[in-house]
Amino acid sequence: MIDYTKYITLEPGKRSGQPCIRHLRITVADILGYLASGMSIEEVLADFPMLSREDILAALAYAADAQRGIDRLGPTA
């Protein structure tokens, strides 16, 4: 599994402190929502050229850990 700590950031003043992709204003929840709505990874990448395949995989890995109750980012990531 990808080490999402290199891709997911938490900033209290950005998007209400939600986990974001590399300091961008795109949240993990945004990525999950696009994929859940049926978009493919390729379609997400085409719509958001600032994202990489690794960013999307990191969002999925973060969500998997969050579901398991694992917090690898900690309060100061």
PDB file of N, CA and C in Angstrom:
ATOM      1  N   MET A   1       0.854  -1.180   0.000  1.00  0.00           N
ATOM      2  CA  MET A   1       0.000   0.000   0.000  1.00  0.00           C
ATOM      3  C   MET A   1       0.898   1.241   0.000  1.00  0.00           C
ATOM      4  N   ILE A   2       0.474   2.261  -0.687  1.00  0.00           N
ATOM      5  CA  ILE A   2       1.233   3.506  -0.812  1.00  0.00           C
ATOM      6  C   ILE A   2       1.321   4.219   0.543  1.00  0.00           C
ATOM      7  N   ASP A   3       2.446   4.883   0.786  1.00  0.00           N
ATOM      8  CA  ASP A   3       2.619   5.665   2.012  1.00  0.00           C
ATOM      9  C   ASP A   3       1.941   7.022   1.819  1.00  0.00           C
ATOM     10  N   TYR A   4       0.684   7.102   2.239  1.00  0.00           N
ATOM     11  CA  TYR A   4      -0.094   8.314   1.990  1.00  0.00           C
ATOM     12  C   TYR A   4       0.380   9.516   2.788  1.00  0.00           C
ATOM     13  N   THR A   5       1.217   9.328   3.786  1.00  0.00           N
ATOM     14  CA  THR A   5       1.681  10.471   4.577  1.00  0.00           C
ATOM     15  C   THR A   5       2.499  11.442   3.735  1.00  0.00           C
ATOM     16  N   LYS A   6       2.963  11.010   2.581  1.00  0.00           N
ATOM     17  CA  LYS A   6       3.714  11.886   1.670  1.00  0.00           C
ATOM     18  C   LYS A   6       2.779  12.684   0.761  1.00  0.00           C
ATOM     19  N   TYR A   7       1.502  12.345   0.743  1.00  0.00           N
ATOM     20  CA  TYR A   7       0.554  12.948  -0.200  1.00  0.00           C
ATOM     21  C   TYR A   7      -0.624  13.644   0.461  1.00  0.00           C
ATOM     22  N   ILE A   8      -0.979  13.240   1.668  1.00  0.00           N
ATOM     23  CA  ILE A   8      -2.162  13.782   2.337  1.00  0.00           C
ATOM     24  C   ILE A   8      -1.710  14.792   3.392  1.00  0.00           C
ATOM     25  N   THR A   9      -2.322  15.969   3.374  1.00  0.00           N
ATOM     26  CA  THR A   9      -1.973  17.018   4.328  1.00  0.00           C
ATOM     27  C   THR A   9      -3.198  17.469   5.101  1.00  0.00           C
ATOM     28  N   LEU A  10      -2.959  17.900   6.320  1.00  0.00           N
ATOM     29  CA  LEU A  10      -4.007  18.466   7.169  1.00  0.00           C
ATOM     30  C   LEU A  10      -3.605  19.884   7.530  1.00  0.00           C
ATOM     31  N   GLU A  11      -4.461  20.836   7.187  1.00  0.00           N
ATOM     32  CA  GLU A  11      -4.217  22.239   7.511  1.00  0.00           C
ATOM     33  C   GLU A  11      -5.512  22.815   8.083  1.00  0.00           C
ATOM     34  N   PRO A  12      -5.476  23.278   9.332  1.00  0.00           N
ATOM     35  CA  PRO A  12      -6.705  23.747   9.986  1.00  0.00           C
ATOM     36  C   PRO A  12      -7.469  24.804   9.188  1.00  0.00           C
ATOM     37  N   GLY A  13      -6.790  25.701   8.487  1.00  0.00           N
ATOM     38  CA  GLY A  13      -7.464  26.774   7.766  1.00  0.00           C
ATOM     39  C   GLY A  13      -7.888  26.423   6.359  1.00  0.00           C
ATOM     40  N   LYS A  14      -7.608  25.232   5.902  1.00  0.00           N
ATOM     41  CA  LYS A  14      -7.927  24.849   4.527  1.00  0.00           C
ATOM     42  C   LYS A  14      -8.995  23.763   4.524  1.00  0.00           C
ATOM     43  N   ARG A  15     -10.088  24.046   3.824  1.00  0.00           N
ATOM     44  CA  ARG A  15     -11.200  23.095   3.694  1.00  0.00           C
ATOM     45  C   ARG A  15     -11.631  22.554   5.051  1.00  0.00           C
ATOM     46  N   SER A  16     -11.684  23.450   6.018  1.00  0.00           N
ATOM     47  CA  SER A  16     -12.123  23.136   7.386  1.00  0.00           C
ATOM     48  C   SER A  16     -11.291  22.034   8.039  1.00  0.00           C
ATOM     49  N   GLY A  17     -10.030  21.954   7.658  1.00  0.00           N
ATOM     50  CA  GLY A  17      -9.132  20.978   8.270  1.00  0.00           C
ATOM     51  C   GLY A  17      -9.273  19.561   7.750  1.00  0.00           C
ATOM     52  N   GLN A  18     -10.042  19.381   6.680  1.00  0.00           N
ATOM     53  CA  GLN A  18     -10.196  18.047   6.094  1.00  0.00           C
ATOM     54  C   GLN A  18      -8.879  17.609   5.454  1.00  0.00           C
ATOM     55  N   PRO A  19      -8.640  16.307   5.392  1.00  0.00           N
ATOM     56  CA  PRO A  19      -7.427  15.833   4.726  1.00  0.00           C
ATOM     57  C   PRO A  19      -7.464  16.178   3.240  1.00  0.00           C
ATOM     58  N   CYS A  20      -6.403  16.836   2.777  1.00  0.00           N
ATOM     59  CA  CYS A  20      -6.302  17.288   1.389  1.00  0.00           C
ATOM     60  C   CYS A  20      -5.130  16.611   0.692  1.00  0.00           C
ATOM     61  N   ILE A  21      -5.136  16.709  -0.607  1.00  0.00           N
ATOM     62  CA  ILE A  21      -4.059  16.173  -1.424  1.00  0.00           C
ATOM     63  C   ILE A  21      -2.976  17.235  -1.570  1.00  0.00           C
ATOM     64  N   ARG A  22      -1.768  16.938  -1.093  1.00  0.00           N
ATOM     65  CA  ARG A  22      -0.566  17.769  -1.262  1.00  0.00           C
ATOM     66  C   ARG A  22      -0.810  19.278  -1.122  1.00  0.00           C
ATOM     67  N   HIS A  23      -1.430  19.693  -0.088  1.00  0.00           N
ATOM     68  CA  HIS A  23      -1.674  21.116   0.189  1.00  0.00           C
ATOM     69  C   HIS A  23      -2.612  21.771  -0.820  1.00  0.00           C
ATOM     70  N   LEU A  24      -3.201  20.993  -1.714  1.00  0.00           N
ATOM     71  CA  LEU A  24      -4.192  21.525  -2.648  1.00  0.00           C
ATOM     72  C   LEU A  24      -5.528  21.646  -1.913  1.00  0.00           C
ATOM     73  N   ARG A  25      -6.516  22.210  -2.565  1.00  0.00           N
ATOM     74  CA  ARG A  25      -7.837  22.327  -1.964  1.00  0.00           C
ATOM     75  C   ARG A  25      -8.736  21.148  -2.359  1.00  0.00           C
ATOM     76  N   ILE A  26      -8.154  20.095  -2.852  1.00  0.00           N
ATOM     77  CA  ILE A  26      -8.889  18.882  -3.203  1.00  0.00           C
ATOM     78  C   ILE A  26      -8.775  17.917  -2.033  1.00  0.00           C
ATOM     79  N   THR A  27      -9.919  17.536  -1.476  1.00  0.00           N
ATOM     80  CA  THR A  27      -9.913  16.676  -0.291  1.00  0.00           C
ATOM     81  C   THR A  27      -9.954  15.198  -0.672  1.00  0.00           C
ATOM     82  N   VAL A  28      -9.593  14.380   0.303  1.00  0.00           N
ATOM     83  CA  VAL A  28      -9.738  12.935   0.147  1.00  0.00           C
ATOM     84  C   VAL A  28     -11.199  12.619  -0.153  1.00  0.00           C
ATOM     85  N   ALA A  29     -12.115  13.269   0.537  1.00  0.00           N
ATOM     86  CA  ALA A  29     -13.548  13.034   0.313  1.00  0.00           C
ATOM     87  C   ALA A  29     -13.948  13.386  -1.119  1.00  0.00           C
ATOM     88  N   ASP A  30     -13.372  14.447  -1.677  1.00  0.00           N
ATOM     89  CA  ASP A  30     -13.656  14.793  -3.078  1.00  0.00           C
ATOM     90  C   ASP A  30     -13.276  13.634  -3.990  1.00  0.00           C
ATOM     91  N   ILE A  31     -12.049  13.129  -3.811  1.00  0.00           N
ATOM     92  CA  ILE A  31     -11.557  12.024  -4.644  1.00  0.00           C
ATOM     93  C   ILE A  31     -12.458  10.796  -4.493  1.00  0.00           C
ATOM     94  N   LEU A  32     -12.770  10.453  -3.253  1.00  0.00           N
ATOM     95  CA  LEU A  32     -13.626   9.287  -3.018  1.00  0.00           C
ATOM     96  C   LEU A  32     -14.996   9.477  -3.664  1.00  0.00           C
ATOM     97  N   GLY A  33     -15.523  10.670  -3.575  1.00  0.00           N
ATOM     98  CA  GLY A  33     -16.824  10.953  -4.184  1.00  0.00           C
ATOM     99  C   GLY A  33     -16.801  10.798  -5.691  1.00  0.00           C
ATOM    100  N   TYR A  34     -15.739  11.292  -6.331  1.00  0.00           N
ATOM    101  CA  TYR A  34     -15.634  11.140  -7.788  1.00  0.00           C
ATOM    102  C   TYR A  34     -15.575   9.670  -8.171  1.00  0.00           C
ATOM    103  N   LEU A  35     -14.756   8.906  -7.459  1.00  0.00           N
ATOM    104  CA  LEU A  35     -14.636   7.480  -7.764  1.00  0.00           C
ATOM    105  C   LEU A  35     -15.939   6.741  -7.473  1.00  0.00           C
ATOM    106  N   ALA A  36     -16.596   7.090  -6.375  1.00  0.00           N
ATOM    107  CA  ALA A  36     -17.853   6.436  -6.011  1.00  0.00           C
ATOM    108  C   ALA A  36     -18.972   6.751  -7.009  1.00  0.00           C
ATOM    109  N   SER A  37     -18.877   7.915  -7.647  1.00  0.00           N
ATOM    110  CA  SER A  37     -19.909   8.278  -8.630  1.00  0.00           C
ATOM    111  C   SER A  37     -19.713   7.560  -9.953  1.00  0.00           C
ATOM    112  N   GLY A  38     -18.610   6.806 -10.069  1.00  0.00           N
ATOM    113  CA  GLY A  38     -18.386   6.038 -11.281  1.00  0.00           C
ATOM    114  C   GLY A  38     -17.251   6.529 -12.148  1.00  0.00           C
ATOM    115  N   MET A  39     -16.633   7.640 -11.767  1.00  0.00           N
ATOM    116  CA  MET A  39     -15.492   8.121 -12.549  1.00  0.00           C
ATOM    117  C   MET A  39     -14.334   7.145 -12.396  1.00  0.00           C
ATOM    118  N   SER A  40     -13.600   6.951 -13.470  1.00  0.00           N
ATOM    119  CA  SER A  40     -12.397   6.126 -13.393  1.00  0.00           C
ATOM    120  C   SER A  40     -11.232   6.999 -12.913  1.00  0.00           C
ATOM    121  N   ILE A  41     -10.172   6.358 -12.514  1.00  0.00           N
ATOM    122  CA  ILE A  41      -8.975   7.119 -12.123  1.00  0.00           C
ATOM    123  C   ILE A  41      -8.526   7.996 -13.288  1.00  0.00           C
ATOM    124  N   GLU A  42      -8.573   7.464 -14.489  1.00  0.00           N
ATOM    125  CA  GLU A  42      -8.157   8.217 -15.668  1.00  0.00           C
ATOM    126  C   GLU A  42      -9.025   9.454 -15.882  1.00  0.00           C
ATOM    127  N   GLU A  43     -10.333   9.327 -15.627  1.00  0.00           N
ATOM    128  CA  GLU A  43     -11.237  10.474 -15.772  1.00  0.00           C
ATOM    129  C   GLU A  43     -10.946  11.538 -14.713  1.00  0.00           C
ATOM    130  N   VAL A  44     -10.689  11.117 -13.495  1.00  0.00           N
ATOM    131  CA  VAL A  44     -10.342  12.083 -12.440  1.00  0.00           C
ATOM    132  C   VAL A  44      -9.059  12.811 -12.819  1.00  0.00           C
ATOM    133  N   LEU A  45      -8.067  12.068 -13.288  1.00  0.00           N
ATOM    134  CA  LEU A  45      -6.803  12.690 -13.687  1.00  0.00           C
ATOM    135  C   LEU A  45      -6.989  13.655 -14.851  1.00  0.00           C
ATOM    136  N   ALA A  46      -7.866  13.325 -15.785  1.00  0.00           N
ATOM    137  CA  ALA A  46      -8.128  14.219 -16.920  1.00  0.00           C
ATOM    138  C   ALA A  46      -8.811  15.505 -16.461  1.00  0.00           C
ATOM    139  N   ASP A  47      -9.726  15.389 -15.496  1.00  0.00           N
ATOM    140  CA  ASP A  47     -10.439  16.565 -14.992  1.00  0.00           C
ATOM    141  C   ASP A  47      -9.590  17.411 -14.051  1.00  0.00           C
ATOM    142  N   PHE A  48      -8.623  16.790 -13.394  1.00  0.00           N
ATOM    143  CA  PHE A  48      -7.775  17.484 -12.422  1.00  0.00           C
ATOM    144  C   PHE A  48      -6.317  17.188 -12.730  1.00  0.00           C
ATOM    145  N   PRO A  49      -5.757  17.887 -13.734  1.00  0.00           N
ATOM    146  CA  PRO A  49      -4.396  17.580 -14.181  1.00  0.00           C
ATOM    147  C   PRO A  49      -3.318  17.830 -13.132  1.00  0.00           C
ATOM    148  N   MET A  50      -3.658  18.541 -12.061  1.00  0.00           N
ATOM    149  CA  MET A  50      -2.676  18.757 -10.995  1.00  0.00           C
ATOM    150  C   MET A  50      -2.513  17.532 -10.108  1.00  0.00           C
ATOM    151  N   LEU A  51      -3.401  16.544 -10.277  1.00  0.00           N
ATOM    152  CA  LEU A  51      -3.325  15.312  -9.502  1.00  0.00           C
ATOM    153  C   LEU A  51      -2.511  14.260 -10.239  1.00  0.00           C
ATOM    154  N   SER A  52      -1.950  13.345  -9.466  1.00  0.00           N
ATOM    155  CA  SER A  52      -1.236  12.206 -10.026  1.00  0.00           C
ATOM    156  C   SER A  52      -1.955  10.924  -9.613  1.00  0.00           C
ATOM    157  N   ARG A  53      -1.634   9.848 -10.284  1.00  0.00           N
ATOM    158  CA  ARG A  53      -2.186   8.542  -9.915  1.00  0.00           C
ATOM    159  C   ARG A  53      -1.848   8.230  -8.459  1.00  0.00           C
ATOM    160  N   GLU A  54      -0.643   8.599  -8.015  1.00  0.00           N
ATOM    161  CA  GLU A  54      -0.226   8.361  -6.630  1.00  0.00           C
ATOM    162  C   GLU A  54      -1.105   9.131  -5.653  1.00  0.00           C
ATOM    163  N   ASP A  55      -1.520  10.349  -6.027  1.00  0.00           N
ATOM    164  CA  ASP A  55      -2.426  11.129  -5.171  1.00  0.00           C
ATOM    165  C   ASP A  55      -3.730  10.369  -4.944  1.00  0.00           C
ATOM    166  N   ILE A  56      -4.264   9.803  -6.005  1.00  0.00           N
ATOM    167  CA  ILE A  56      -5.531   9.081  -5.894  1.00  0.00           C
ATOM    168  C   ILE A  56      -5.353   7.806  -5.072  1.00  0.00           C
ATOM    169  N   LEU A  57      -4.275   7.088  -5.321  1.00  0.00           N
ATOM    170  CA  LEU A  57      -4.009   5.885  -4.529  1.00  0.00           C
ATOM    171  C   LEU A  57      -3.786   6.229  -3.062  1.00  0.00           C
ATOM    172  N   ALA A  58      -3.149   7.367  -2.807  1.00  0.00           N
ATOM    173  CA  ALA A  58      -2.939   7.808  -1.425  1.00  0.00           C
ATOM    174  C   ALA A  58      -4.278   8.104  -0.750  1.00  0.00           C
ATOM    175  N   ALA A  59      -5.198   8.735  -1.483  1.00  0.00           N
ATOM    176  CA  ALA A  59      -6.525   9.013  -0.925  1.00  0.00           C
ATOM    177  C   ALA A  59      -7.239   7.714  -0.567  1.00  0.00           C
ATOM    178  N   LEU A  60      -7.131   6.723  -1.424  1.00  0.00           N
ATOM    179  CA  LEU A  60      -7.755   5.426  -1.146  1.00  0.00           C
ATOM    180  C   LEU A  60      -7.105   4.745   0.060  1.00  0.00           C
ATOM    181  N   ALA A  61      -5.785   4.804   0.138  1.00  0.00           N
ATOM    182  CA  ALA A  61      -5.080   4.189   1.272  1.00  0.00           C
ATOM    183  C   ALA A  61      -5.430   4.894   2.576  1.00  0.00           C
ATOM    184  N   TYR A  62      -5.514   6.223   2.527  1.00  0.00           N
ATOM    185  CA  TYR A  62      -5.891   6.987   3.723  1.00  0.00           C
ATOM    186  C   TYR A  62      -7.297   6.589   4.170  1.00  0.00           C
ATOM    187  N   ALA A  63      -8.217   6.496   3.217  1.00  0.00           N
ATOM    188  CA  ALA A  63      -9.596   6.130   3.549  1.00  0.00           C
ATOM    189  C   ALA A  63      -9.663   4.726   4.142  1.00  0.00           C
ATOM    190  N   ALA A  64      -8.856   3.815   3.619  1.00  0.00           N
ATOM    191  CA  ALA A  64      -8.837   2.456   4.157  1.00  0.00           C
ATOM    192  C   ALA A  64      -8.351   2.467   5.605  1.00  0.00           C
ATOM    193  N   ASP A  65      -7.279   3.215   5.883  1.00  0.00           N
ATOM    194  CA  ASP A  65      -6.793   3.300   7.261  1.00  0.00           C
ATOM    195  C   ASP A  65      -7.815   3.990   8.159  1.00  0.00           C
ATOM    196  N   ALA A  66      -8.459   5.036   7.661  1.00  0.00           N
ATOM    197  CA  ALA A  66      -9.469   5.736   8.463  1.00  0.00           C
ATOM    198  C   ALA A  66     -10.610   4.795   8.829  1.00  0.00           C
ATOM    199  N   GLN A  67     -10.995   3.940   7.898  1.00  0.00           N
ATOM    200  CA  GLN A  67     -12.061   2.960   8.158  1.00  0.00           C
ATOM    201  C   GLN A  67     -11.643   1.973   9.247  1.00  0.00           C
ATOM    202  N   ARG A  68     -10.346   1.673   9.279  1.00  0.00           N
ATOM    203  CA  ARG A  68      -9.818   0.762  10.300  1.00  0.00           C
ATOM    204  C   ARG A  68      -9.546   1.460  11.629  1.00  0.00           C
ATOM    205  N   GLY A  69      -9.697   2.784  11.661  1.00  0.00           N
ATOM    206  CA  GLY A  69      -9.426   3.546  12.873  1.00  0.00           C
ATOM    207  C   GLY A  69      -7.937   3.847  13.070  1.00  0.00           C
ATOM    208  N   ILE A  70      -7.169   3.790  11.991  1.00  0.00           N
ATOM    209  CA  ILE A  70      -5.723   4.055  12.050  1.00  0.00           C
ATOM    210  C   ILE A  70      -5.485   5.502  11.636  1.00  0.00           C
ATOM    211  N   ASP A  71      -4.728   6.245  12.459  1.00  0.00           N
ATOM    212  CA  ASP A  71      -4.401   7.634  12.155  1.00  0.00           C
ATOM    213  C   ASP A  71      -2.889   7.786  12.074  1.00  0.00           C
ATOM    214  N   ARG A  72      -2.354   7.670  10.853  1.00  0.00           N
ATOM    215  CA  ARG A  72      -0.911   7.787  10.668  1.00  0.00           C
ATOM    216  C   ARG A  72      -0.471   9.226  10.453  1.00  0.00           C
ATOM    217  N   LEU A  73      -1.412  10.142  10.256  1.00  0.00           N
ATOM    218  CA  LEU A  73      -1.039  11.534  10.043  1.00  0.00           C
ATOM    219  C   LEU A  73      -0.820  12.261  11.366  1.00  0.00           C
ATOM    220  N   GLY A  74      -1.578  11.890  12.374  1.00  0.00           N
ATOM    221  CA  GLY A  74      -1.429  12.549  13.664  1.00  0.00           C
ATOM    222  C   GLY A  74      -1.953  13.969  13.640  1.00  0.00           C
ATOM    223  N   PRO A  75      -1.976  14.620  14.784  1.00  0.00           N
ATOM    224  CA  PRO A  75      -2.578  15.960  14.867  1.00  0.00           C
ATOM    225  C   PRO A  75      -1.736  17.059  14.258  1.00  0.00           C
ATOM    226  N   THR A  76      -0.468  16.820  13.955  1.00  0.00           N
ATOM    227  CA  THR A  76       0.382  17.904  13.467  1.00  0.00           C
ATOM    228  C   THR A  76       0.937  17.652  12.076  1.00  0.00           C
ATOM    229  N   ALA A  77       0.341  16.751  11.329  1.00  0.00           N
ATOM    230  CA  ALA A  77       0.865  16.441   9.996  1.00  0.00           C
ATOM    231  C   ALA A  77       0.658  17.594   9.041  1.00  0.00           C
TER     232      ALA A  77
END
